[in-house]
Amino acid sequence: MRVLELSHATKRYGAFVAVEDVSFTVEKGQILSLLGPSGCGKTTTLRLISGFEDANEGAVLFSGVDMKGRRPYERNVGLLFQDYALFPHMTVAENVSYGLRRRNFDKGKIPDRVAEMLALVKLKGFDDRRPNQLSGGQQQRVALARALATNPEVVLLDEPLSALDAKLRHELRFELKAILSAVNATTIVVTHDQEEAMSLGDSVIVMSAGKIMQQGAPTEIYADPKTRFVAEFIGRSNWFTGELRNSTNGVAELKAAGGIRMFVRMPESSPNLGAFDVCVRPERIRIGADIQSSGDAPMNQMRGTIRDVAHLGADLHLLVEIPGGQLLTVTEKYIGQSFERAGQEVSITFFPQDCIVVPSGS
């Protein structure tokens, strides 16, 4: 069931267009991630949905009902702000019950609802504590419990984990998604963090300059970006630029800078030859494997020199210089020992299907 719809929404501040012709839908229980750099319009989009801003054009609909003219308190939304916005003079229980009291929820049922929410976020027994007696992660859970307590039609989370340290952010991503799924909450998460967007969202929208660049499942956005901007924003990339020619059976030849000749998979959406940018993800490149090409399955293979080796936990990051002076990033799993070292000559290989082809300069 469609719970939320934005239809051609545009928001201007004078001559500045913050959101331009944005349209999307969110189904019941779906988690949608709005991902993009600072200033791309994702928080403004959230404010249009919540009623803190009015669209100059277009519409915001909840279950088919146009929200035009309805203020935030007239919309059934739950909000979790970046700084959590807990009331310091209230206890945990009072913070969680705040929305219930404002909405004239049955007073006799409020304690049970608060207890239910605190159990959901694993804070049973924290009722009488104040926000300053809680850790950052506990404050985040209280804010989430408050946002969910009123059983909102739509839950809006604005950078919900950005105030936490990296380790806690990683741990709470999975916990947050489990909680939202447990109550079947229809949710929009605004974030600039690619890993957060991909791990939380059933669907991801990438925004830039107030516009939607691409929407799809996390795996689709990562594996099949439609533009260079999306490919770079959603993960690490190695780029080759050149002319595509001699397309056969969905594989074309790319002649790139430095005399590099390689084979790439031609996208169905761009059957024409010409100038293109080609992305190869670091984890798709293999080091040290001399694999023979065949006419049916051409293999990209070139020599290179390792310029740097970095151990990052379970991953090994290598910087490899190839002919023409271009540096490629290669990622391998670290299995307790590494034979690669700076200055070492290596062979690198990758398949045509490892190449993501996008329009040049997109």
Protein backbone atom coordinates (compact mmCIF):
# COMPACT_ATOMS: atom_id res chain seq x y z
CA MET A 1 0.00 0.00 0.00
CA ARG A 2 1.33 3.44 -0.95
CA VAL A 3 1.73 5.52 2.21
CA LEU A 4 3.69 8.52 0.95
CA GLU A 5 3.97 10.20 -2.43
CA LEU A 6 5.88 13.25 -3.58
CA SER A 7 4.63 14.45 -6.95
CA HIS A 8 6.80 16.93 -8.88
CA ALA A 9 7.71 18.81 -5.68
CA THR A 10 9.73 22.01 -6.11
CA LYS A 11 10.96 24.36 -3.38
CA ARG A 12 12.55 27.75 -4.08
CA TYR A 13 14.14 30.29 -1.78
CA GLY A 14 14.13 33.40 -3.92
CA ALA A 15 16.14 32.57 -7.04
CA PHE A 16 17.71 29.49 -5.43
CA VAL A 17 16.03 26.17 -6.24
CA ALA A 18 16.58 23.81 -3.29
CA VAL A 19 14.39 20.97 -4.59
CA GLU A 20 13.43 20.64 -8.25
CA ASP A 21 10.67 18.41 -9.63
CA VAL A 22 11.19 15.60 -7.11
CA SER A 23 8.83 12.62 -7.37
CA PHE A 24 8.87 9.30 -5.52
CA THR A 25 6.60 6.95 -3.58
CA VAL A 26 7.10 4.93 -0.39
CA GLU A 27 5.13 1.77 0.36
CA LYS A 28 3.92 0.58 3.77
CA GLY A 29 6.84 -0.69 5.85
CA GLN A 30 9.46 0.39 3.30
CA ILE A 31 12.65 2.19 4.35
CA LEU A 32 13.79 4.76 1.79
CA SER A 33 17.25 6.35 2.05
CA LEU A 34 17.79 9.86 0.68
CA LEU A 35 21.51 10.07 -0.02
CA GLY A 36 23.59 12.97 -1.23
CA PRO A 37 26.20 15.60 -0.35
CA SER A 38 25.51 18.58 1.89
CA GLY A 39 23.24 21.10 0.18
CA CYS A 40 21.77 18.63 -2.31
CA GLY A 41 18.18 19.13 -1.09
CA LYS A 42 17.60 15.98 0.93
CA THR A 43 16.81 17.74 4.24
CA THR A 44 14.59 20.26 2.43
CA THR A 45 12.72 17.29 0.97
CA LEU A 46 12.24 15.97 4.51
CA ARG A 47 10.93 19.36 5.62
CA LEU A 48 8.41 19.37 2.77
CA ILE A 49 7.12 15.99 3.92
CA SER A 50 6.95 16.97 7.60
CA GLY A 51 5.23 20.30 6.90
CA PHE A 52 7.99 22.62 8.10
CA GLU A 53 8.22 23.94 4.53
CA ASP A 54 5.60 24.33 1.79
CA ALA A 55 6.33 23.34 -1.80
CA ASN A 56 6.10 26.07 -4.42
CA GLU A 57 4.95 23.46 -6.90
CA GLY A 58 3.84 19.85 -6.70
CA ALA A 59 2.20 17.90 -3.92
CA VAL A 60 2.88 15.79 -0.82
CA LEU A 61 0.31 13.03 -0.27
CA PHE A 62 -0.18 10.75 2.73
CA SER A 63 -2.21 7.67 1.74
CA GLY A 64 -3.56 9.62 -1.22
CA VAL A 65 -4.54 12.72 0.81
CA ASP A 66 -2.92 16.02 -0.21
CA MET A 67 -1.15 17.59 2.77
CA LYS A 68 -1.22 21.13 1.35
CA GLY A 69 -1.90 23.66 4.12
CA ARG A 70 -1.45 21.12 6.94
CA ARG A 71 1.11 22.11 9.58
CA PRO A 72 3.55 19.60 11.16
CA TYR A 73 1.28 18.87 14.14
CA GLU A 74 -1.55 18.08 11.70
CA ARG A 75 0.48 15.41 9.92
CA ASN A 76 0.93 11.98 11.44
CA VAL A 77 4.73 11.90 11.31
CA GLY A 78 7.41 10.81 13.74
CA LEU A 79 10.63 12.84 13.69
CA LEU A 80 14.14 11.95 14.80
CA PHE A 81 16.49 14.90 14.48
CA GLN A 82 20.26 14.84 14.02
CA ASP A 83 20.84 16.15 17.57
CA TYR A 84 17.93 14.04 18.99
CA ALA A 85 16.31 17.19 20.55
CA LEU A 86 15.55 15.50 23.88
CA PHE A 87 14.15 17.72 26.62
CA PRO A 88 16.92 17.91 29.26
CA HIS A 89 14.51 18.69 32.13
CA MET A 90 12.37 15.62 31.42
CA THR A 91 12.98 11.99 32.30
CA VAL A 92 13.28 9.30 29.65
CA ALA A 93 9.66 8.29 30.21
CA GLU A 94 8.48 11.90 29.96
CA ASN A 95 10.41 12.40 26.73
CA VAL A 96 8.92 9.27 25.18
CA SER A 97 5.40 10.20 26.28
CA TYR A 98 5.64 13.81 25.08
CA GLY A 99 3.98 13.20 21.71
CA LEU A 100 1.33 11.00 23.28
CA ARG A 101 0.35 13.74 25.72
CA ARG A 102 0.31 16.38 22.98
CA ARG A 103 -2.02 14.21 20.91
CA ASN A 104 -4.39 13.58 23.85
CA PHE A 105 -3.62 9.87 23.97
CA ASP A 106 -5.61 8.00 26.64
CA LYS A 107 -3.76 8.92 29.86
CA GLY A 108 -4.41 5.53 31.38
CA LYS A 109 -2.65 3.80 28.50
CA ILE A 110 0.39 6.09 28.30
CA PRO A 111 2.54 4.18 30.87
CA ASP A 112 2.01 0.90 29.02
CA ARG A 113 2.83 2.50 25.68
CA VAL A 114 6.01 4.05 27.09
CA ALA A 115 7.05 0.71 28.59
CA GLU A 116 6.40 -0.98 25.24
CA MET A 117 8.56 1.55 23.38
CA LEU A 118 11.42 1.38 25.89
CA ALA A 119 11.41 -2.41 25.68
CA LEU A 120 11.49 -2.15 21.89
CA VAL A 121 14.64 0.01 21.96
CA LYS A 122 16.22 -2.07 24.76
CA LEU A 123 15.99 0.61 27.46
CA LYS A 124 13.72 -1.16 29.92
CA GLY A 125 14.30 0.28 33.41
CA PHE A 126 15.63 3.64 32.15
CA ASP A 127 12.31 5.45 32.74
CA ASP A 128 13.52 7.86 35.44
CA ARG A 129 16.89 8.81 34.00
CA ARG A 130 17.61 12.22 32.47
CA PRO A 131 19.21 12.67 29.02
CA ASN A 132 22.51 13.81 30.57
CA GLN A 133 22.73 10.45 32.34
CA LEU A 134 22.66 8.56 29.03
CA SER A 135 25.30 7.69 26.46
CA GLY A 136 24.98 8.94 22.88
CA GLY A 137 23.60 5.61 21.74
CA GLN A 138 21.05 5.54 24.55
CA GLN A 139 19.92 9.08 23.72
CA GLN A 140 19.44 8.00 20.12
CA ARG A 141 17.25 5.10 21.27
CA VAL A 142 15.12 7.41 23.44
CA ALA A 143 14.60 9.78 20.51
CA LEU A 144 13.61 6.83 18.31
CA ALA A 145 11.17 5.54 20.94
CA ARG A 146 9.58 9.00 21.11
CA ALA A 147 9.29 9.15 17.31
CA LEU A 148 7.58 5.74 17.17
CA ALA A 149 5.36 6.09 20.26
CA THR A 150 2.47 7.82 18.46
CA ASN A 151 2.35 5.10 15.78
CA PRO A 152 3.07 7.62 13.01
CA GLU A 153 2.05 7.12 9.41
CA VAL A 154 5.56 8.12 8.28
CA VAL A 155 8.83 8.16 10.27
CA LEU A 156 11.42 10.77 9.22
CA LEU A 157 15.03 10.34 10.35
CA ASP A 158 17.46 13.20 9.65
CA GLU A 159 21.08 11.97 9.87
CA PRO A 160 20.07 9.68 12.77
CA LEU A 161 23.54 8.24 13.45
CA SER A 162 25.87 11.10 12.52
CA ALA A 163 26.42 12.26 16.13
CA LEU A 164 27.83 8.86 17.15
CA ASP A 165 31.36 7.51 16.85
CA ALA A 166 32.19 5.17 13.96
CA LYS A 167 32.02 1.92 15.96
CA LEU A 168 28.65 2.75 17.51
CA ARG A 169 27.27 3.94 14.17
CA HIS A 170 28.12 0.59 12.64
CA GLU A 171 26.49 -1.35 15.48
CA LEU A 172 23.32 0.74 15.58
CA ARG A 173 22.65 0.58 11.83
CA PHE A 174 21.48 -3.00 12.12
CA GLU A 175 19.65 -2.38 15.39
CA LEU A 176 17.84 0.64 13.94
CA LYS A 177 16.71 -1.30 10.88
CA ALA A 178 15.53 -4.21 13.05
CA ILE A 179 13.45 -1.86 15.22
CA LEU A 180 11.86 -0.13 12.23
CA SER A 181 11.10 -3.48 10.63
CA ALA A 182 9.62 -4.84 13.87
CA VAL A 183 6.94 -2.12 13.89
CA ASN A 184 6.57 -2.12 10.07
CA ALA A 185 7.36 1.60 10.02
CA THR A 186 7.24 3.48 6.73
CA THR A 187 10.49 5.41 6.96
CA ILE A 188 12.62 7.98 5.17
CA VAL A 189 16.26 8.23 6.26
CA VAL A 190 18.27 11.29 5.23
CA THR A 191 22.03 10.74 5.22
CA HIS A 192 25.26 11.73 3.47
CA ASP A 193 26.86 8.42 4.49
CA GLN A 194 26.89 5.84 1.70
CA GLU A 195 27.22 2.81 4.00
CA GLU A 196 24.38 4.05 6.20
CA ALA A 197 22.09 4.60 3.22
CA MET A 198 22.88 1.19 1.72
CA SER A 199 22.54 -0.78 4.96
CA LEU A 200 19.31 0.89 6.15
CA GLY A 201 17.39 1.46 2.94
CA ASP A 202 15.28 -1.03 1.01
CA SER A 203 15.50 1.59 -1.71
CA VAL A 204 18.02 4.42 -2.18
CA ILE A 205 17.60 7.80 -3.87
CA VAL A 206 20.79 9.66 -4.79
CA MET A 207 20.30 13.44 -4.98
CA SER A 208 22.44 16.26 -6.34
CA ALA A 209 21.65 19.98 -6.74
CA GLY A 210 18.04 19.45 -5.70
CA LYS A 211 17.33 16.70 -8.23
CA ILE A 212 17.01 12.93 -8.11
CA MET A 213 19.94 11.42 -10.00
CA GLN A 214 18.94 7.77 -9.57
CA GLN A 215 16.67 5.53 -7.49
CA GLY A 216 16.88 1.79 -6.97
CA ALA A 217 17.76 -1.06 -4.63
CA PRO A 218 21.15 -0.65 -2.89
CA THR A 219 22.75 -3.40 -4.99
CA GLU A 220 21.41 -1.85 -8.20
CA ILE A 221 22.69 1.63 -7.35
CA TYR A 222 26.16 0.26 -6.57
CA ALA A 223 26.48 -2.20 -9.44
CA ASP A 224 24.70 -0.22 -12.16
CA PRO A 225 25.05 3.54 -11.60
CA LYS A 226 23.75 5.60 -14.52
CA THR A 227 26.13 8.56 -14.15
CA ARG A 228 29.69 9.23 -13.02
CA PHE A 229 28.37 11.29 -10.09
CA VAL A 230 26.32 8.37 -8.73
CA ALA A 231 29.17 5.89 -9.24
CA GLU A 232 31.64 8.12 -7.37
CA PHE A 233 29.27 9.01 -4.56
CA ILE A 234 28.16 5.47 -3.86
CA GLY A 235 31.61 3.88 -3.60
CA ARG A 236 35.30 3.89 -4.52
CA SER A 237 36.03 3.97 -8.23
CA ASN A 238 38.83 3.65 -10.75
CA TRP A 239 38.17 5.58 -13.96
CA PHE A 240 39.20 5.22 -17.59
CA THR A 241 38.08 7.69 -20.26
CA GLY A 242 38.19 7.05 -23.98
CA GLU A 243 36.43 6.08 -27.18
CA LEU A 244 34.36 2.91 -27.46
CA ARG A 245 34.49 1.05 -30.75
CA ASN A 246 34.19 -2.38 -32.38
CA SER A 247 31.19 -3.60 -30.37
CA THR A 248 30.60 -7.36 -30.69
CA ASN A 249 28.13 -9.46 -28.69
CA GLY A 250 27.66 -6.72 -26.10
CA VAL A 251 31.40 -6.16 -25.58
CA ALA A 252 33.21 -3.10 -26.94
CA GLU A 253 36.84 -2.05 -27.08
CA LEU A 254 37.93 1.07 -25.20
CA LYS A 255 41.01 2.98 -26.26
CA ALA A 256 42.00 5.05 -23.22
CA ALA A 257 44.82 7.42 -22.28
CA GLY A 258 48.33 6.03 -21.96
CA GLY A 259 47.82 3.59 -24.82
CA ILE A 260 45.55 1.40 -22.68
CA ARG A 261 43.29 -0.92 -24.65
CA MET A 262 40.56 -2.75 -22.77
CA PHE A 263 37.26 -4.53 -23.25
CA VAL A 264 34.05 -3.37 -21.55
CA ARG A 265 30.47 -4.53 -21.33
CA MET A 266 28.23 -2.22 -23.36
CA PRO A 267 25.18 -1.02 -21.39
CA GLU A 268 21.83 -1.74 -23.05
CA SER A 269 20.77 1.86 -22.42
CA SER A 270 23.79 3.23 -24.36
CA PRO A 271 24.20 1.11 -27.48
CA ASN A 272 26.06 3.82 -29.41
CA LEU A 273 29.83 4.04 -29.62
CA GLY A 274 31.81 7.19 -28.85
CA ALA A 275 33.23 8.94 -25.76
CA PHE A 276 32.49 7.24 -22.43
CA ASP A 277 33.79 7.04 -18.87
CA VAL A 278 34.43 3.55 -17.52
CA CYS A 279 34.45 2.69 -13.81
CA VAL A 280 36.04 -0.40 -12.28
CA ARG A 281 35.43 -0.95 -8.57
CA PRO A 282 38.60 -1.69 -6.51
CA GLU A 283 37.32 -5.08 -5.34
CA ARG A 284 36.74 -6.24 -8.94
CA ILE A 285 40.44 -6.01 -9.84
CA ARG A 286 42.56 -9.10 -9.25
CA ILE A 287 46.30 -9.04 -8.67
CA GLY A 288 48.80 -11.70 -9.72
CA ALA A 289 46.49 -13.80 -11.87
CA ASP A 290 47.74 -14.25 -15.44
CA ILE A 291 44.55 -15.45 -17.15
CA GLN A 292 44.53 -16.08 -20.87
CA SER A 293 41.90 -14.24 -22.90
CA SER A 294 39.73 -15.94 -25.47
CA GLY A 295 37.56 -14.65 -28.27
CA ASP A 296 34.42 -15.57 -26.36
CA ALA A 297 35.54 -14.19 -22.99
CA PRO A 298 38.13 -11.41 -23.39
CA MET A 299 40.05 -10.57 -20.25
CA ASN A 300 41.54 -7.20 -19.42
CA GLN A 301 45.13 -7.70 -18.32
CA MET A 302 47.94 -5.19 -17.79
CA ARG A 303 51.18 -4.82 -15.90
CA GLY A 304 51.62 -2.42 -13.03
CA THR A 305 53.80 -1.42 -10.10
CA ILE A 306 52.58 -1.35 -6.50
CA ARG A 307 53.23 2.12 -5.08
CA ASP A 308 51.63 1.74 -1.65
CA VAL A 309 50.11 -0.93 0.59
CA ALA A 310 47.70 -0.09 3.43
CA HIS A 311 46.29 -2.58 5.94
CA LEU A 312 42.79 -1.50 7.00
CA GLY A 313 41.46 -4.19 9.30
CA ALA A 314 40.14 -7.05 7.19
CA ASP A 315 40.97 -5.24 3.94
CA LEU A 316 44.21 -4.66 2.11
CA HIS A 317 44.30 -1.50 -0.03
CA LEU A 318 46.87 -1.33 -2.79
CA LEU A 319 47.82 1.61 -4.99
CA VAL A 320 49.02 0.34 -8.37
CA GLU A 321 50.57 2.44 -11.12
CA ILE A 322 49.77 1.26 -14.66
CA PRO A 323 51.18 2.35 -18.05
CA GLY A 324 50.63 6.04 -18.63
CA GLY A 325 51.13 6.84 -14.95
CA GLN A 326 47.52 6.28 -13.83
CA LEU A 327 47.08 5.03 -10.26
CA LEU A 328 44.49 2.34 -9.54
CA THR A 329 43.10 1.42 -6.13
CA VAL A 330 42.78 -2.33 -5.57
CA THR A 331 41.07 -3.91 -2.56
CA GLU A 332 41.77 -7.44 -1.35
CA LYS A 333 40.77 -9.38 1.74
CA TYR A 334 43.58 -9.65 4.28
CA ILE A 335 43.93 -13.27 5.40
CA GLY A 336 46.71 -12.90 7.95
CA GLN A 337 49.65 -12.45 5.63
CA SER A 338 50.44 -10.29 2.64
CA PHE A 339 53.04 -10.87 -0.06
CA GLU A 340 52.47 -7.53 -1.82
CA ARG A 341 54.96 -4.74 -1.20
CA ALA A 342 55.70 -1.29 -2.58
CA GLY A 343 57.81 -1.38 -5.74
CA GLN A 344 56.67 -4.87 -6.73
CA GLU A 345 55.78 -5.52 -10.39
CA VAL A 346 52.40 -7.23 -10.70
CA SER A 347 49.81 -8.31 -13.23
CA ILE A 348 46.27 -6.99 -12.77
CA THR A 349 43.16 -8.44 -14.42
CA PHE A 350 39.44 -7.75 -14.60
CA PHE A 351 36.56 -8.88 -16.81
CA PRO A 352 34.52 -6.73 -19.24
CA GLN A 353 31.49 -7.25 -16.99
CA ASP A 354 33.45 -5.63 -14.15
CA CYS A 355 33.41 -2.37 -16.12
CA ILE A 356 30.62 0.16 -15.54
CA VAL A 357 30.13 2.37 -18.60
CA VAL A 358 28.53 5.82 -18.20
CA PRO A 359 28.23 8.84 -20.52
CA SER A 360 31.40 10.93 -20.53
CA GLY A 361 31.25 13.81 -18.05
CA SER A 362 27.93 12.69 -16.53
